[in-house]
């Protein structure tokens, strides 16, 4: 089947921002706020969020650099507020 237009796929500004800022999210249904989001520290680069939490949860908790929420977006927004990061849709966000 031919497409009407041959337009390359592109990521939304939100997804581009998440990748650029290296935001990781995870859902744990047993928690009161089931979604969490972090921006990995350099020592945790390349690891997935469950591994990071297993190894370094205390550091993230002590420095209050975890975002929690009822949805993935809530967790990401709460993380951005906690670490002073402008969201993809805020003025001046790059």
PDB file of N, CA and C in Angstrom:
ATOM      1  N   UNK A   1       0.835  -1.173   0.000  1.00  0.00           N
ATOM      2  CA  UNK A   1       0.000   0.000   0.000  1.00  0.00           C
ATOM      3  C   UNK A   1       0.888   1.247   0.000  1.00  0.00           C
ATOM      4  N   UNK A   2       0.608   2.150  -0.915  1.00  0.00           N
ATOM      5  CA  UNK A   2       1.369   3.395  -0.996  1.00  0.00           C
ATOM      6  C   UNK A   2       0.754   4.448  -0.084  1.00  0.00           C
ATOM      7  N   UNK A   3       1.612   5.202   0.525  1.00  0.00           N
ATOM      8  CA  UNK A   3       1.163   6.310   1.370  1.00  0.00           C
ATOM      9  C   UNK A   3       0.932   7.527   0.480  1.00  0.00           C
ATOM     10  N   UNK A   4       0.046   8.389   0.900  1.00  0.00           N
ATOM     11  CA  UNK A   4      -0.225   9.594   0.140  1.00  0.00           C
ATOM     12  C   UNK A   4       1.007  10.493   0.109  1.00  0.00           C
ATOM     13  N   UNK A   5       1.639  10.637   1.256  1.00  0.00           N
ATOM     14  CA  UNK A   5       2.854  11.451   1.357  1.00  0.00           C
ATOM     15  C   UNK A   5       3.940  10.625   2.012  1.00  0.00           C
ATOM     16  N   UNK A   6       5.136  10.798   1.542  1.00  0.00           N
ATOM     17  CA  UNK A   6       6.271  10.103   2.144  1.00  0.00           C
ATOM     18  C   UNK A   6       6.912  11.048   3.164  1.00  0.00           C
ATOM     19  N   UNK A   7       6.352  11.084   4.359  1.00  0.00           N
ATOM     20  CA  UNK A   7       6.831  11.985   5.414  1.00  0.00           C
ATOM     21  C   UNK A   7       7.596  11.166   6.439  1.00  0.00           C
ATOM     22  N   UNK A   8       8.822  11.543   6.731  1.00  0.00           N
ATOM     23  CA  UNK A   8       9.588  10.794   7.728  1.00  0.00           C
ATOM     24  C   UNK A   8       8.974  10.955   9.119  1.00  0.00           C
ATOM     25  N   UNK A   9       9.072   9.900   9.921  1.00  0.00           N
ATOM     26  CA  UNK A   9       8.585   9.970  11.288  1.00  0.00           C
ATOM     27  C   UNK A   9       9.437  10.937  12.086  1.00  0.00           C
ATOM     28  N   UNK A  10       8.798  11.649  12.988  1.00  0.00           N
ATOM     29  CA  UNK A  10       9.548  12.528  13.872  1.00  0.00           C
ATOM     30  C   UNK A  10       8.956  12.431  15.266  1.00  0.00           C
ATOM     31  N   UNK A  11       9.790  12.649  16.260  1.00  0.00           N
ATOM     32  CA  UNK A  11       9.362  12.572  17.649  1.00  0.00           C
ATOM     33  C   UNK A  11       8.745  13.890  18.073  1.00  0.00           C
ATOM     34  N   UNK A  12       7.812  13.781  18.989  1.00  0.00           N
ATOM     35  CA  UNK A  12       7.167  14.979  19.520  1.00  0.00           C
ATOM     36  C   UNK A  12       8.175  15.797  20.325  1.00  0.00           C
ATOM     37  N   UNK A  13       7.915  17.082  20.525  1.00  0.00           N
ATOM     38  CA  UNK A  13       8.799  17.895  21.372  1.00  0.00           C
ATOM     39  C   UNK A  13       8.965  17.289  22.766  1.00  0.00           C
ATOM     40  N   UNK A  14       7.891  16.713  23.304  1.00  0.00           N
ATOM     41  CA  UNK A  14       7.959  16.090  24.635  1.00  0.00           C
ATOM     42  C   UNK A  14       8.955  14.924  24.627  1.00  0.00           C
ATOM     43  N   UNK A  15       8.849  14.024  23.658  1.00  0.00           N
ATOM     44  CA  UNK A  15       9.768  12.883  23.593  1.00  0.00           C
ATOM     45  C   UNK A  15      11.204  13.326  23.327  1.00  0.00           C
ATOM     46  N   UNK A  16      11.390  14.333  22.499  1.00  0.00           N
ATOM     47  CA  UNK A  16      12.733  14.858  22.261  1.00  0.00           C
ATOM     48  C   UNK A  16      13.333  15.401  23.553  1.00  0.00           C
ATOM     49  N   UNK A  17      12.522  16.120  24.341  1.00  0.00           N
ATOM     50  CA  UNK A  17      12.968  16.689  25.609  1.00  0.00           C
ATOM     51  C   UNK A  17      13.333  15.582  26.589  1.00  0.00           C
ATOM     52  N   UNK A  18      12.488  14.544  26.687  1.00  0.00           N
ATOM     53  CA  UNK A  18      12.757  13.422  27.599  1.00  0.00           C
ATOM     54  C   UNK A  18      14.080  12.759  27.249  1.00  0.00           C
ATOM     55  N   UNK A  19      14.334  12.541  25.980  1.00  0.00           N
ATOM     56  CA  UNK A  19      15.600  11.938  25.553  1.00  0.00           C
ATOM     57  C   UNK A  19      16.782  12.861  25.829  1.00  0.00           C
ATOM     58  N   UNK A  20      16.629  14.124  25.495  1.00  0.00           N
ATOM     59  CA  UNK A  20      17.721  15.093  25.692  1.00  0.00           C
ATOM     60  C   UNK A  20      18.092  15.219  27.171  1.00  0.00           C
ATOM     61  N   UNK A  21      17.089  15.209  28.041  1.00  0.00           N
ATOM     62  CA  UNK A  21      17.327  15.365  29.482  1.00  0.00           C
ATOM     63  C   UNK A  21      17.593  14.032  30.175  1.00  0.00           C
ATOM     64  N   UNK A  22      17.571  12.946  29.404  1.00  0.00           N
ATOM     65  CA  UNK A  22      17.847  11.600  29.913  1.00  0.00           C
ATOM     66  C   UNK A  22      16.885  11.184  31.037  1.00  0.00           C
ATOM     67  N   UNK A  23      15.620  11.566  30.930  1.00  0.00           N
ATOM     68  CA  UNK A  23      14.633  11.241  31.948  1.00  0.00           C
ATOM     69  C   UNK A  23      14.230   9.768  31.820  1.00  0.00           C
ATOM     70  N   UNK A  24      14.245   9.065  32.943  1.00  0.00           N
ATOM     71  CA  UNK A  24      13.794   7.683  32.991  1.00  0.00           C
ATOM     72  C   UNK A  24      12.537   7.613  33.840  1.00  0.00           C
ATOM     73  N   UNK A  25      11.583   6.784  33.427  1.00  0.00           N
ATOM     74  CA  UNK A  25      10.360   6.607  34.202  1.00  0.00           C
ATOM     75  C   UNK A  25      10.118   5.125  34.439  1.00  0.00           C
ATOM     76  N   UNK A  26       9.326   4.858  35.479  1.00  0.00           N
ATOM     77  CA  UNK A  26       9.003   3.472  35.824  1.00  0.00           C
ATOM     78  C   UNK A  26       7.678   3.455  36.557  1.00  0.00           C
ATOM     79  N   UNK A  27       6.886   2.433  36.306  1.00  0.00           N
ATOM     80  CA  UNK A  27       5.621   2.277  36.999  1.00  0.00           C
ATOM     81  C   UNK A  27       5.720   1.087  37.945  1.00  0.00           C
ATOM     82  N   UNK A  28       5.378   1.324  39.218  1.00  0.00           N
ATOM     83  CA  UNK A  28       5.350   0.277  40.235  1.00  0.00           C
ATOM     84  C   UNK A  28       3.974   0.313  40.880  1.00  0.00           C
ATOM     85  N   UNK A  29       3.102  -0.565  40.458  1.00  0.00           N
ATOM     86  CA  UNK A  29       1.698  -0.496  40.864  1.00  0.00           C
ATOM     87  C   UNK A  29       1.478  -0.684  42.359  1.00  0.00           C
ATOM     88  N   UNK A  30       2.455  -1.182  43.087  1.00  0.00           N
ATOM     89  CA  UNK A  30       2.288  -1.394  44.524  1.00  0.00           C
ATOM     90  C   UNK A  30       2.513  -0.120  45.351  1.00  0.00           C
ATOM     91  N   UNK A  31       2.913   0.955  44.708  1.00  0.00           N
ATOM     92  CA  UNK A  31       3.200   2.207  45.411  1.00  0.00           C
ATOM     93  C   UNK A  31       1.958   3.099  45.434  1.00  0.00           C
ATOM     94  N   UNK A  32       1.836   3.973  46.472  1.00  0.00           N
ATOM     95  CA  UNK A  32       0.702   4.907  46.518  1.00  0.00           C
ATOM     96  C   UNK A  32       0.666   5.834  45.295  1.00  0.00           C
ATOM     97  N   UNK A  33       1.831   6.286  44.867  1.00  0.00           N
ATOM     98  CA  UNK A  33       1.955   7.035  43.612  1.00  0.00           C
ATOM     99  C   UNK A  33       2.761   6.125  42.686  1.00  0.00           C
ATOM    100  N   UNK A  34       2.091   5.468  41.750  1.00  0.00           N
ATOM    101  CA  UNK A  34       2.712   4.376  41.016  1.00  0.00           C
ATOM    102  C   UNK A  34       3.795   4.750  40.013  1.00  0.00           C
ATOM    103  N   UNK A  35       3.895   6.002  39.635  1.00  0.00           N
ATOM    104  CA  UNK A  35       4.916   6.382  38.652  1.00  0.00           C
ATOM    105  C   UNK A  35       6.057   7.123  39.328  1.00  0.00           C
ATOM    106  N   UNK A  36       7.262   6.863  38.859  1.00  0.00           N
ATOM    107  CA  UNK A  36       8.425   7.624  39.323  1.00  0.00           C
ATOM    108  C   UNK A  36       9.257   8.037  38.126  1.00  0.00           C
ATOM    109  N   UNK A  37       9.990   9.136  38.289  1.00  0.00           N
ATOM    110  CA  UNK A  37      10.857   9.642  37.220  1.00  0.00           C
ATOM    111  C   UNK A  37      12.141  10.156  37.847  1.00  0.00           C
ATOM    112  N   UNK A  38      13.246   9.915  37.176  1.00  0.00           N
ATOM    113  CA  UNK A  38      14.539  10.452  37.622  1.00  0.00           C
ATOM    114  C   UNK A  38      15.327  10.926  36.405  1.00  0.00           C
ATOM    115  N   UNK A  39      16.321  11.749  36.702  1.00  0.00           N
ATOM    116  CA  UNK A  39      17.338  12.102  35.723  1.00  0.00           C
ATOM    117  C   UNK A  39      18.617  11.478  36.279  1.00  0.00           C
ATOM    118  N   UNK A  40      19.106  10.400  35.682  1.00  0.00           N
ATOM    119  CA  UNK A  40      20.227   9.672  36.265  1.00  0.00           C
ATOM    120  C   UNK A  40      21.460  10.545  36.493  1.00  0.00           C
ATOM    121  N   UNK A  41      22.096  10.290  37.625  1.00  0.00           N
ATOM    122  CA  UNK A  41      23.378  10.924  37.914  1.00  0.00           C
ATOM    123  C   UNK A  41      24.438  10.294  37.007  1.00  0.00           C
ATOM    124  N   UNK A  42      25.563  10.949  36.869  1.00  0.00           N
ATOM    125  CA  UNK A  42      26.623  10.427  35.989  1.00  0.00           C
ATOM    126  C   UNK A  42      27.057   9.016  36.385  1.00  0.00           C
ATOM    127  N   UNK A  43      27.071   8.713  37.687  1.00  0.00           N
ATOM    128  CA  UNK A  43      27.487   7.375  38.129  1.00  0.00           C
ATOM    129  C   UNK A  43      26.501   6.293  37.686  1.00  0.00           C
ATOM    130  N   UNK A  44      25.283   6.702  37.316  1.00  0.00           N
ATOM    131  CA  UNK A  44      24.254   5.747  36.903  1.00  0.00           C
ATOM    132  C   UNK A  44      23.959   5.780  35.411  1.00  0.00           C
ATOM    133  N   UNK A  45      24.764   6.466  34.654  1.00  0.00           N
ATOM    134  CA  UNK A  45      24.536   6.576  33.209  1.00  0.00           C
ATOM    135  C   UNK A  45      24.522   5.194  32.566  1.00  0.00           C
ATOM    136  N   UNK A  46      23.543   4.971  31.701  1.00  0.00           N
ATOM    137  CA  UNK A  46      23.437   3.723  30.975  1.00  0.00           C
ATOM    138  C   UNK A  46      22.674   2.621  31.692  1.00  0.00           C
ATOM    139  N   UNK A  47      22.277   2.853  32.933  1.00  0.00           N
ATOM    140  CA  UNK A  47      21.529   1.850  33.693  1.00  0.00           C
ATOM    141  C   UNK A  47      20.037   2.124  33.571  1.00  0.00           C
ATOM    142  N   UNK A  48      19.235   1.079  33.752  1.00  0.00           N
ATOM    143  CA  UNK A  48      17.784   1.281  33.750  1.00  0.00           C
ATOM    144  C   UNK A  48      17.341   1.712  35.149  1.00  0.00           C
ATOM    145  N   UNK A  49      16.124   2.251  35.230  1.00  0.00           N
ATOM    146  CA  UNK A  49      15.663   2.825  36.490  1.00  0.00           C
ATOM    147  C   UNK A  49      15.571   1.804  37.626  1.00  0.00           C
ATOM    148  N   UNK A  50      15.060   0.588  37.423  1.00  0.00           N
ATOM    149  CA  UNK A  50      15.042  -0.370  38.536  1.00  0.00           C
ATOM    150  C   UNK A  50      16.441  -0.674  39.084  1.00  0.00           C
ATOM    151  N   UNK A  51      17.426  -0.786  38.213  1.00  0.00           N
ATOM    152  CA  UNK A  51      18.798  -1.036  38.662  1.00  0.00           C
ATOM    153  C   UNK A  51      19.333   0.155  39.447  1.00  0.00           C
ATOM    154  N   UNK A  52      19.068   1.351  38.966  1.00  0.00           N
ATOM    155  CA  UNK A  52      19.509   2.555  39.665  1.00  0.00           C
ATOM    156  C   UNK A  52      18.901   2.606  41.057  1.00  0.00           C
ATOM    157  N   UNK A  53      17.607   2.332  41.165  1.00  0.00           N
ATOM    158  CA  UNK A  53      16.943   2.382  42.470  1.00  0.00           C
ATOM    159  C   UNK A  53      17.492   1.312  43.404  1.00  0.00           C
ATOM    160  N   UNK A  54      17.811   0.152  42.868  1.00  0.00           N
ATOM    161  CA  UNK A  54      18.381  -0.926  43.675  1.00  0.00           C
ATOM    162  C   UNK A  54      19.745  -0.521  44.240  1.00  0.00           C
ATOM    163  N   UNK A  55      20.549   0.146  43.432  1.00  0.00           N
ATOM    164  CA  UNK A  55      21.912   0.491  43.828  1.00  0.00           C
ATOM    165  C   UNK A  55      22.047   1.848  44.517  1.00  0.00           C
ATOM    166  N   UNK A  56      21.234   2.829  44.119  1.00  0.00           N
ATOM    167  CA  UNK A  56      21.475   4.209  44.555  1.00  0.00           C
ATOM    168  C   UNK A  56      20.242   4.936  45.076  1.00  0.00           C
ATOM    169  N   UNK A  57      19.200   4.215  45.443  1.00  0.00           N
ATOM    170  CA  UNK A  57      17.951   4.859  45.848  1.00  0.00           C
ATOM    171  C   UNK A  57      18.169   5.875  46.966  1.00  0.00           C
ATOM    172  N   UNK A  58      18.994   5.544  47.926  1.00  0.00           N
ATOM    173  CA  UNK A  58      19.234   6.431  49.073  1.00  0.00           C
ATOM    174  C   UNK A  58      19.734   7.803  48.621  1.00  0.00           C
ATOM    175  N   UNK A  59      20.624   7.833  47.658  1.00  0.00           N
ATOM    176  CA  UNK A  59      21.166   9.113  47.169  1.00  0.00           C
ATOM    177  C   UNK A  59      20.045   9.958  46.560  1.00  0.00           C
ATOM    178  N   UNK A  60      19.239   9.364  45.707  1.00  0.00           N
ATOM    179  CA  UNK A  60      18.147  10.087  45.043  1.00  0.00           C
ATOM    180  C   UNK A  60      17.120  10.570  46.065  1.00  0.00           C
ATOM    181  N   UNK A  61      16.816   9.736  47.058  1.00  0.00           N
ATOM    182  CA  UNK A  61      15.860  10.125  48.097  1.00  0.00           C
ATOM    183  C   UNK A  61      16.412  11.248  48.970  1.00  0.00           C
ATOM    184  N   UNK A  62      17.658  11.125  49.396  1.00  0.00           N
ATOM    185  CA  UNK A  62      18.271  12.139  50.265  1.00  0.00           C
ATOM    186  C   UNK A  62      18.313  13.505  49.596  1.00  0.00           C
ATOM    187  N   UNK A  63      18.583  13.541  48.309  1.00  0.00           N
ATOM    188  CA  UNK A  63      18.685  14.805  47.582  1.00  0.00           C
ATOM    189  C   UNK A  63      17.349  15.231  46.959  1.00  0.00           C
ATOM    190  N   UNK A  64      16.291  14.453  47.215  1.00  0.00           N
ATOM    191  CA  UNK A  64      14.952  14.771  46.730  1.00  0.00           C
ATOM    192  C   UNK A  64      14.940  15.003  45.214  1.00  0.00           C
ATOM    193  N   UNK A  65      15.532  14.059  44.490  1.00  0.00           N
ATOM    194  CA  UNK A  65      15.613  14.185  43.032  1.00  0.00           C
ATOM    195  C   UNK A  65      14.885  13.038  42.326  1.00  0.00           C
ATOM    196  N   UNK A  66      13.742  12.669  42.923  1.00  0.00           N
ATOM    197  CA  UNK A  66      12.838  11.691  42.312  1.00  0.00           C
ATOM    198  C   UNK A  66      11.485  12.365  42.187  1.00  0.00           C
ATOM    199  N   UNK A  67      10.848  12.208  41.052  1.00  0.00           N
ATOM    200  CA  UNK A  67       9.486  12.698  40.883  1.00  0.00           C
ATOM    201  C   UNK A  67       8.511  11.543  40.965  1.00  0.00           C
ATOM    202  N   UNK A  68       7.485  11.693  41.769  1.00  0.00           N
ATOM    203  CA  UNK A  68       6.441  10.680  41.904  1.00  0.00           C
ATOM    204  C   UNK A  68       5.128  11.239  41.391  1.00  0.00           C
ATOM    205  N   UNK A  69       4.230  10.368  40.939  1.00  0.00           N
ATOM    206  CA  UNK A  69       2.930  10.840  40.485  1.00  0.00           C
ATOM    207  C   UNK A  69       1.967   9.719  40.175  1.00  0.00           C
ATOM    208  N   UNK A  70       0.702  10.095  40.012  1.00  0.00           N
ATOM    209  CA  UNK A  70      -0.339   9.143  39.637  1.00  0.00           C
ATOM    210  C   UNK A  70      -0.233   8.754  38.164  1.00  0.00           C
ATOM    211  N   UNK A  71       0.436   9.593  37.372  1.00  0.00           N
ATOM    212  CA  UNK A  71       0.652   9.300  35.954  1.00  0.00           C
ATOM    213  C   UNK A  71       2.122   9.558  35.631  1.00  0.00           C
ATOM    214  N   UNK A  72       2.531   9.089  34.475  1.00  0.00           N
ATOM    215  CA  UNK A  72       3.909   9.326  34.044  1.00  0.00           C
ATOM    216  C   UNK A  72       4.173  10.825  33.898  1.00  0.00           C
ATOM    217  N   UNK A  73       3.211  11.543  33.328  1.00  0.00           N
ATOM    218  CA  UNK A  73       3.374  12.992  33.174  1.00  0.00           C
ATOM    219  C   UNK A  73       3.502  13.692  34.518  1.00  0.00           C
ATOM    220  N   UNK A  74       2.704  13.273  35.521  1.00  0.00           N
ATOM    221  CA  UNK A  74       2.808  13.861  36.858  1.00  0.00           C
ATOM    222  C   UNK A  74       4.204  13.641  37.438  1.00  0.00           C
ATOM    223  N   UNK A  75       4.718  12.430  37.299  1.00  0.00           N
ATOM    224  CA  UNK A  75       6.042  12.115  37.830  1.00  0.00           C
ATOM    225  C   UNK A  75       7.121  12.956  37.147  1.00  0.00           C
ATOM    226  N   UNK A  76       7.038  13.092  35.834  1.00  0.00           N
ATOM    227  CA  UNK A  76       8.008  13.895  35.091  1.00  0.00           C
ATOM    228  C   UNK A  76       7.921  15.360  35.497  1.00  0.00           C
ATOM    229  N   UNK A  77       6.702  15.875  35.626  1.00  0.00           N
ATOM    230  CA  UNK A  77       6.514  17.275  36.038  1.00  0.00           C
ATOM    231  C   UNK A  77       7.064  17.495  37.442  1.00  0.00           C
ATOM    232  N   UNK A  78       6.784  16.581  38.366  1.00  0.00           N
ATOM    233  CA  UNK A  78       7.287  16.718  39.732  1.00  0.00           C
ATOM    234  C   UNK A  78       8.805  16.625  39.798  1.00  0.00           C
ATOM    235  N   UNK A  79       9.392  15.777  38.964  1.00  0.00           N
ATOM    236  CA  UNK A  79      10.852  15.709  38.891  1.00  0.00           C
ATOM    237  C   UNK A  79      11.419  17.028  38.386  1.00  0.00           C
ATOM    238  N   UNK A  80      10.850  17.547  37.315  1.00  0.00           N
ATOM    239  CA  UNK A  80      11.341  18.804  36.742  1.00  0.00           C
ATOM    240  C   UNK A  80      11.301  19.922  37.778  1.00  0.00           C
ATOM    241  N   UNK A  81      10.217  20.002  38.555  1.00  0.00           N
ATOM    242  CA  UNK A  81      10.118  21.012  39.610  1.00  0.00           C
ATOM    243  C   UNK A  81      11.192  20.792  40.673  1.00  0.00           C
ATOM    244  N   UNK A  82      11.405  19.535  41.061  1.00  0.00           N
ATOM    245  CA  UNK A  82      12.368  19.212  42.119  1.00  0.00           C
ATOM    246  C   UNK A  82      13.796  19.580  41.735  1.00  0.00           C
ATOM    247  N   UNK A  83      14.127  19.426  40.446  1.00  0.00           N
ATOM    248  CA  UNK A  83      15.513  19.678  40.041  1.00  0.00           C
ATOM    249  C   UNK A  83      15.677  20.997  39.286  1.00  0.00           C
ATOM    250  N   UNK A  84      14.601  21.780  39.200  1.00  0.00           N
ATOM    251  CA  UNK A  84      14.689  23.088  38.547  1.00  0.00           C
ATOM    252  C   UNK A  84      14.849  23.027  37.043  1.00  0.00           C
ATOM    253  N   UNK A  85      14.208  22.076  36.421  1.00  0.00           N
ATOM    254  CA  UNK A  85      14.309  21.872  34.976  1.00  0.00           C
ATOM    255  C   UNK A  85      13.041  22.378  34.308  1.00  0.00           C
ATOM    256  N   UNK A  86      13.198  23.196  33.279  1.00  0.00           N
ATOM    257  CA  UNK A  86      12.023  23.667  32.534  1.00  0.00           C
ATOM    258  C   UNK A  86      11.498  22.539  31.658  1.00  0.00           C
ATOM    259  N   UNK A  87      10.171  22.407  31.638  1.00  0.00           N
ATOM    260  CA  UNK A  87       9.532  21.387  30.814  1.00  0.00           C
ATOM    261  C   UNK A  87       9.601  21.763  29.339  1.00  0.00           C
ATOM    262  N   UNK A  88       9.354  20.786  28.484  1.00  0.00           N
ATOM    263  CA  UNK A  88       9.413  20.979  27.027  1.00  0.00           C
ATOM    264  C   UNK A  88       8.472  22.060  26.537  1.00  0.00           C
ATOM    265  N   UNK A  89       7.400  22.326  27.278  1.00  0.00           N
ATOM    266  CA  UNK A  89       6.404  23.284  26.818  1.00  0.00           C
ATOM    267  C   UNK A  89       6.456  24.615  27.575  1.00  0.00           C
ATOM    268  N   UNK A  90       7.527  24.842  28.330  1.00  0.00           N
ATOM    269  CA  UNK A  90       7.683  26.111  29.043  1.00  0.00           C
ATOM    270  C   UNK A  90       8.580  27.058  28.261  1.00  0.00           C
ATOM    271  N   UNK A  91       8.292  28.312  28.381  1.00  0.00           N
ATOM    272  CA  UNK A  91       9.074  29.328  27.666  1.00  0.00           C
ATOM    273  C   UNK A  91      10.534  29.260  28.085  1.00  0.00           C
ATOM    274  N   UNK A  92      11.406  29.282  27.119  1.00  0.00           N
ATOM    275  CA  UNK A  92      12.840  29.263  27.383  1.00  0.00           C
ATOM    276  C   UNK A  92      13.425  27.855  27.457  1.00  0.00           C
ATOM    277  N   UNK A  93      12.583  26.818  27.386  1.00  0.00           N
ATOM    278  CA  UNK A  93      13.095  25.478  27.377  1.00  0.00           C
ATOM    279  C   UNK A  93      13.787  25.230  26.043  1.00  0.00           C
ATOM    280  N   UNK A  94      14.935  24.601  26.095  1.00  0.00           N
ATOM    281  CA  UNK A  94      15.689  24.357  24.871  1.00  0.00           C
ATOM    282  C   UNK A  94      15.517  22.948  24.414  1.00  0.00           C
TER     283      UNK A  94
END
